[in-house]
Amino acid sequence: MPGNRSDAPGGESGYAALLAAHGHAVESARLLCFSAAGFTSDLRASSDATLVDLERIYTGS
């Protein structure tokens, strides 16, 4: 899956390596994905991102 590679310098995943290359501090950065339609079960099982759907927005769960 793109963005999940850990062979970047410092072991960052793709998105963290990209941000670090532009001078951003990434030590505590997290990738958040928002969706009004929800996420597939495959994405929920394999993602290193925090997935935020409408239920999580409105109920905090």
PDB file of N, CA and C in Angstrom:
ATOM      1  N   MET A   1       0.847  -1.178   0.000  1.00  0.00           N
ATOM      2  CA  MET A   1       0.000   0.000   0.000  1.00  0.00           C
ATOM      3  C   MET A   1       0.892   1.240   0.000  1.00  0.00           C
ATOM      4  N   PRO A   2       0.661   2.186  -0.915  1.00  0.00           N
ATOM      5  CA  PRO A   2       1.451   3.409  -0.927  1.00  0.00           C
ATOM      6  C   PRO A   2       1.338   4.146   0.403  1.00  0.00           C
ATOM      7  N   GLY A   3       2.438   4.733   0.819  1.00  0.00           N
ATOM      8  CA  GLY A   3       2.429   5.468   2.079  1.00  0.00           C
ATOM      9  C   GLY A   3       2.799   4.626   3.281  1.00  0.00           C
ATOM     10  N   ASN A   4       2.833   3.313   3.117  1.00  0.00           N
ATOM     11  CA  ASN A   4       3.150   2.439   4.244  1.00  0.00           C
ATOM     12  C   ASN A   4       4.593   1.966   4.218  1.00  0.00           C
ATOM     13  N   ARG A   5       5.386   2.412   3.275  1.00  0.00           N
ATOM     14  CA  ARG A   5       6.757   1.948   3.173  1.00  0.00           C
ATOM     15  C   ARG A   5       7.572   2.446   4.350  1.00  0.00           C
ATOM     16  N   SER A   6       8.440   1.588   4.846  1.00  0.00           N
ATOM     17  CA  SER A   6       9.288   1.986   5.956  1.00  0.00           C
ATOM     18  C   SER A   6      10.754   1.962   5.567  1.00  0.00           C
ATOM     19  N   ASP A   7      11.050   1.959   4.243  1.00  0.00           N
ATOM     20  CA  ASP A   7      12.441   1.946   3.809  1.00  0.00           C
ATOM     21  C   ASP A   7      12.965   3.349   3.550  1.00  0.00           C
ATOM     22  N   ALA A   8      12.232   4.358   3.917  1.00  0.00           N
ATOM     23  CA  ALA A   8      12.674   5.739   3.770  1.00  0.00           C
ATOM     24  C   ALA A   8      13.724   6.040   4.836  1.00  0.00           C
ATOM     25  N   PRO A   9      14.561   7.050   4.591  1.00  0.00           N
ATOM     26  CA  PRO A   9      15.563   7.411   5.613  1.00  0.00           C
ATOM     27  C   PRO A   9      14.910   7.647   6.956  1.00  0.00           C
ATOM     28  N   GLY A  10      15.476   7.072   7.989  1.00  0.00           N
ATOM     29  CA  GLY A  10      14.927   7.234   9.329  1.00  0.00           C
ATOM     30  C   GLY A  10      13.772   6.299   9.612  1.00  0.00           C
ATOM     31  N   GLY A  11      13.370   5.475   8.623  1.00  0.00           N
ATOM     32  CA  GLY A  11      12.304   4.519   8.811  1.00  0.00           C
ATOM     33  C   GLY A  11      10.912   5.115   8.731  1.00  0.00           C
ATOM     34  N   GLU A  12      10.796   6.384   8.312  1.00  0.00           N
ATOM     35  CA  GLU A  12       9.471   6.985   8.225  1.00  0.00           C
ATOM     36  C   GLU A  12       8.693   6.365   7.078  1.00  0.00           C
ATOM     37  N   SER A  13       7.371   6.357   7.197  1.00  0.00           N
ATOM     38  CA  SER A  13       6.552   5.910   6.083  1.00  0.00           C
ATOM     39  C   SER A  13       6.586   6.991   5.015  1.00  0.00           C
ATOM     40  N   GLY A  14       6.000   6.731   3.863  1.00  0.00           N
ATOM     41  CA  GLY A  14       6.066   7.638   2.729  1.00  0.00           C
ATOM     42  C   GLY A  14       5.624   9.054   3.034  1.00  0.00           C
ATOM     43  N   TYR A  15       4.471   9.207   3.681  1.00  0.00           N
ATOM     44  CA  TYR A  15       3.985  10.559   3.953  1.00  0.00           C
ATOM     45  C   TYR A  15       4.865  11.278   4.967  1.00  0.00           C
ATOM     46  N   ALA A  16       5.379  10.568   5.963  1.00  0.00           N
ATOM     47  CA  ALA A  16       6.254  11.201   6.955  1.00  0.00           C
ATOM     48  C   ALA A  16       7.576  11.598   6.323  1.00  0.00           C
ATOM     49  N   ALA A  17       8.112  10.756   5.443  1.00  0.00           N
ATOM     50  CA  ALA A  17       9.366  11.075   4.764  1.00  0.00           C
ATOM     51  C   ALA A  17       9.197  12.301   3.880  1.00  0.00           C
ATOM     52  N   LEU A  18       8.069  12.396   3.211  1.00  0.00           N
ATOM     53  CA  LEU A  18       7.794  13.556   2.360  1.00  0.00           C
ATOM     54  C   LEU A  18       7.742  14.836   3.187  1.00  0.00           C
ATOM     55  N   LEU A  19       7.038  14.806   4.299  1.00  0.00           N
ATOM     56  CA  LEU A  19       6.958  15.985   5.168  1.00  0.00           C
ATOM     57  C   LEU A  19       8.328  16.331   5.749  1.00  0.00           C
ATOM     58  N   ALA A  20       9.078  15.326   6.179  1.00  0.00           N
ATOM     59  CA  ALA A  20      10.403  15.556   6.758  1.00  0.00           C
ATOM     60  C   ALA A  20      11.343  16.170   5.728  1.00  0.00           C
ATOM     61  N   ALA A  21      11.222  15.743   4.483  1.00  0.00           N
ATOM     62  CA  ALA A  21      12.072  16.285   3.421  1.00  0.00           C
ATOM     63  C   ALA A  21      11.828  17.773   3.200  1.00  0.00           C
ATOM     64  N   HIS A  22      10.659  18.248   3.579  1.00  0.00           N
ATOM     65  CA  HIS A  22      10.317  19.669   3.439  1.00  0.00           C
ATOM     66  C   HIS A  22      10.510  20.436   4.741  1.00  0.00           C
ATOM     67  N   GLY A  23      11.186  19.809   5.701  1.00  0.00           N
ATOM     68  CA  GLY A  23      11.550  20.501   6.929  1.00  0.00           C
ATOM     69  C   GLY A  23      10.532  20.459   8.046  1.00  0.00           C
ATOM     70  N   HIS A  24       9.482  19.660   7.905  1.00  0.00           N
ATOM     71  CA  HIS A  24       8.471  19.560   8.956  1.00  0.00           C
ATOM     72  C   HIS A  24       8.882  18.534  10.005  1.00  0.00           C
ATOM     73  N   ALA A  25       8.595  18.814  11.265  1.00  0.00           N
ATOM     74  CA  ALA A  25       8.853  17.855  12.342  1.00  0.00           C
ATOM     75  C   ALA A  25       7.793  16.762  12.262  1.00  0.00           C
ATOM     76  N   VAL A  26       8.221  15.519  12.159  1.00  0.00           N
ATOM     77  CA  VAL A  26       7.271  14.423  11.953  1.00  0.00           C
ATOM     78  C   VAL A  26       7.269  13.395  13.079  1.00  0.00           C
ATOM     79  N   GLU A  27       7.992  13.662  14.152  1.00  0.00           N
ATOM     80  CA  GLU A  27       8.112  12.672  15.219  1.00  0.00           C
ATOM     81  C   GLU A  27       6.760  12.254  15.782  1.00  0.00           C
ATOM     82  N   SER A  28       5.830  13.179  15.885  1.00  0.00           N
ATOM     83  CA  SER A  28       4.524  12.845  16.440  1.00  0.00           C
ATOM     84  C   SER A  28       3.392  13.069  15.432  1.00  0.00           C
ATOM     85  N   ALA A  29       3.743  13.175  14.152  1.00  0.00           N
ATOM     86  CA  ALA A  29       2.727  13.379  13.111  1.00  0.00           C
ATOM     87  C   ALA A  29       1.922  12.099  12.906  1.00  0.00           C
ATOM     88  N   ARG A  30       0.645  12.270  12.601  1.00  0.00           N
ATOM     89  CA  ARG A  30      -0.228  11.133  12.282  1.00  0.00           C
ATOM     90  C   ARG A  30      -1.004  11.455  11.023  1.00  0.00           C
ATOM     91  N   LEU A  31      -1.262  10.447  10.231  1.00  0.00           N
ATOM     92  CA  LEU A  31      -2.066  10.594   9.034  1.00  0.00           C
ATOM     93  C   LEU A  31      -3.522  10.354   9.417  1.00  0.00           C
ATOM     94  N   LEU A  32      -4.386  11.322   9.133  1.00  0.00           N
ATOM     95  CA  LEU A  32      -5.816  11.202   9.400  1.00  0.00           C
ATOM     96  C   LEU A  32      -6.567  11.177   8.076  1.00  0.00           C
ATOM     97  N   CYS A  33      -7.488  10.255   7.923  1.00  0.00           N
ATOM     98  CA  CYS A  33      -8.329  10.175   6.734  1.00  0.00           C
ATOM     99  C   CYS A  33      -9.775  10.333   7.171  1.00  0.00           C
ATOM    100  N   PHE A  34     -10.484  11.243   6.517  1.00  0.00           N
ATOM    101  CA  PHE A  34     -11.879  11.516   6.842  1.00  0.00           C
ATOM    102  C   PHE A  34     -12.770  11.027   5.711  1.00  0.00           C
ATOM    103  N   SER A  35     -13.945  10.486   6.069  1.00  0.00           N
ATOM    104  CA  SER A  35     -14.885  10.011   5.064  1.00  0.00           C
ATOM    105  C   SER A  35     -16.313  10.112   5.580  1.00  0.00           C
ATOM    106  N   ALA A  36     -17.175  10.667   4.761  1.00  0.00           N
ATOM    107  CA  ALA A  36     -18.604  10.696   5.093  1.00  0.00           C
ATOM    108  C   ALA A  36     -19.261   9.370   4.733  1.00  0.00           C
ATOM    109  N   ALA A  37     -18.644   8.603   3.832  1.00  0.00           N
ATOM    110  CA  ALA A  37     -19.213   7.345   3.370  1.00  0.00           C
ATOM    111  C   ALA A  37     -18.675   6.136   4.127  1.00  0.00           C
ATOM    112  N   GLY A  38     -17.694   6.337   4.991  1.00  0.00           N
ATOM    113  CA  GLY A  38     -17.109   5.226   5.729  1.00  0.00           C
ATOM    114  C   GLY A  38     -15.918   4.637   5.001  1.00  0.00           C
ATOM    115  N   PHE A  39     -15.379   3.536   5.535  1.00  0.00           N
ATOM    116  CA  PHE A  39     -14.184   2.904   5.003  1.00  0.00           C
ATOM    117  C   PHE A  39     -14.431   1.418   4.817  1.00  0.00           C
ATOM    118  N   THR A  40     -13.753   0.823   3.861  1.00  0.00           N
ATOM    119  CA  THR A  40     -13.905  -0.610   3.637  1.00  0.00           C
ATOM    120  C   THR A  40     -13.252  -1.378   4.782  1.00  0.00           C
ATOM    121  N   SER A  41     -13.675  -2.607   4.959  1.00  0.00           N
ATOM    122  CA  SER A  41     -13.092  -3.439   6.021  1.00  0.00           C
ATOM    123  C   SER A  41     -11.618  -3.705   5.738  1.00  0.00           C
ATOM    124  N   ASP A  42     -11.244  -3.827   4.464  1.00  0.00           N
ATOM    125  CA  ASP A  42      -9.836  -4.027   4.122  1.00  0.00           C
ATOM    126  C   ASP A  42      -8.998  -2.830   4.553  1.00  0.00           C
ATOM    127  N   LEU A  43      -9.481  -1.629   4.322  1.00  0.00           N
ATOM    128  CA  LEU A  43      -8.745  -0.434   4.725  1.00  0.00           C
ATOM    129  C   LEU A  43      -8.664  -0.339   6.239  1.00  0.00           C
ATOM    130  N   ARG A  44      -9.754  -0.633   6.926  1.00  0.00           N
ATOM    131  CA  ARG A  44      -9.740  -0.603   8.395  1.00  0.00           C
ATOM    132  C   ARG A  44      -8.721  -1.588   8.958  1.00  0.00           C
ATOM    133  N   ALA A  45      -8.558  -2.724   8.305  1.00  0.00           N
ATOM    134  CA  ALA A  45      -7.644  -3.757   8.801  1.00  0.00           C
ATOM    135  C   ALA A  45      -6.184  -3.465   8.477  1.00  0.00           C
ATOM    136  N   SER A  46      -5.926  -2.723   7.411  1.00  0.00           N
ATOM    137  CA  SER A  46      -4.548  -2.584   6.963  1.00  0.00           C
ATOM    138  C   SER A  46      -3.967  -1.185   7.112  1.00  0.00           C
ATOM    139  N   SER A  47      -4.732  -0.229   7.494  1.00  0.00           N
ATOM    140  CA  SER A  47      -4.269   1.157   7.476  1.00  0.00           C
ATOM    141  C   SER A  47      -3.444   1.523   8.704  1.00  0.00           C
ATOM    142  N   ASP A  48      -2.379   2.288   8.466  1.00  0.00           N
ATOM    143  CA  ASP A  48      -1.624   2.866   9.577  1.00  0.00           C
ATOM    144  C   ASP A  48      -2.111   4.282   9.858  1.00  0.00           C
ATOM    145  N   ALA A  49      -3.142   4.693   9.139  1.00  0.00           N
ATOM    146  CA  ALA A  49      -3.737   6.007   9.334  1.00  0.00           C
ATOM    147  C   ALA A  49      -4.863   5.919  10.362  1.00  0.00           C
ATOM    148  N   THR A  50      -5.192   7.042  10.964  1.00  0.00           N
ATOM    149  CA  THR A  50      -6.363   7.116  11.828  1.00  0.00           C
ATOM    150  C   THR A  50      -7.548   7.417  10.929  1.00  0.00           C
ATOM    151  N   LEU A  51      -8.520   6.522  10.907  1.00  0.00           N
ATOM    152  CA  LEU A  51      -9.691   6.675  10.045  1.00  0.00           C
ATOM    153  C   LEU A  51     -10.807   7.329  10.832  1.00  0.00           C
ATOM    154  N   VAL A  52     -11.360   8.415  10.288  1.00  0.00           N
ATOM    155  CA  VAL A  52     -12.396   9.183  10.981  1.00  0.00           C
ATOM    156  C   VAL A  52     -13.633   9.209  10.096  1.00  0.00           C
ATOM    157  N   ASP A  53     -14.679   8.498  10.534  1.00  0.00           N
ATOM    158  CA  ASP A  53     -15.943   8.506   9.803  1.00  0.00           C
ATOM    159  C   ASP A  53     -16.956   9.361  10.555  1.00  0.00           C
ATOM    160  N   LEU A  54     -18.172   9.449  10.026  1.00  0.00           N
ATOM    161  CA  LEU A  54     -19.181  10.303  10.652  1.00  0.00           C
ATOM    162  C   LEU A  54     -19.500   9.878  12.077  1.00  0.00           C
ATOM    163  N   GLU A  55     -19.543   8.580  12.347  1.00  0.00           N
ATOM    164  CA  GLU A  55     -19.818   8.122  13.709  1.00  0.00           C
ATOM    165  C   GLU A  55     -18.763   8.653  14.677  1.00  0.00           C
ATOM    166  N   ARG A  56     -17.523   8.576  14.266  1.00  0.00           N
ATOM    167  CA  ARG A  56     -16.451   9.051  15.148  1.00  0.00           C
ATOM    168  C   ARG A  56     -16.520  10.568  15.333  1.00  0.00           C
ATOM    169  N   ILE A  57     -16.882  11.281  14.286  1.00  0.00           N
ATOM    170  CA  ILE A  57     -16.989  12.742  14.390  1.00  0.00           C
ATOM    171  C   ILE A  57     -18.091  13.128  15.382  1.00  0.00           C
ATOM    172  N   TYR A  58     -19.255  12.478  15.266  1.00  0.00           N
ATOM    173  CA  TYR A  58     -20.404  12.888  16.059  1.00  0.00           C
ATOM    174  C   TYR A  58     -20.482  12.245  17.429  1.00  0.00           C
ATOM    175  N   THR A  59     -19.867  11.061  17.604  1.00  0.00           N
ATOM    176  CA  THR A  59     -19.967  10.404  18.911  1.00  0.00           C
ATOM    177  C   THR A  59     -18.628  10.330  19.633  1.00  0.00           C
ATOM    178  N   GLY A  60     -17.552  10.558  18.901  1.00  0.00           N
ATOM    179  CA  GLY A  60     -16.227  10.501  19.505  1.00  0.00           C
ATOM    180  C   GLY A  60     -15.706   9.103  19.707  1.00  0.00           C
ATOM    181  N   SER A  61     -16.418   8.108  19.187  1.00  0.00           N
ATOM    182  CA  SER A  61     -15.959   6.718  19.379  1.00  0.00           C
ATOM    183  C   SER A  61     -15.143   6.241  18.217  1.00  0.00           C
TER     184      SER A  61
END
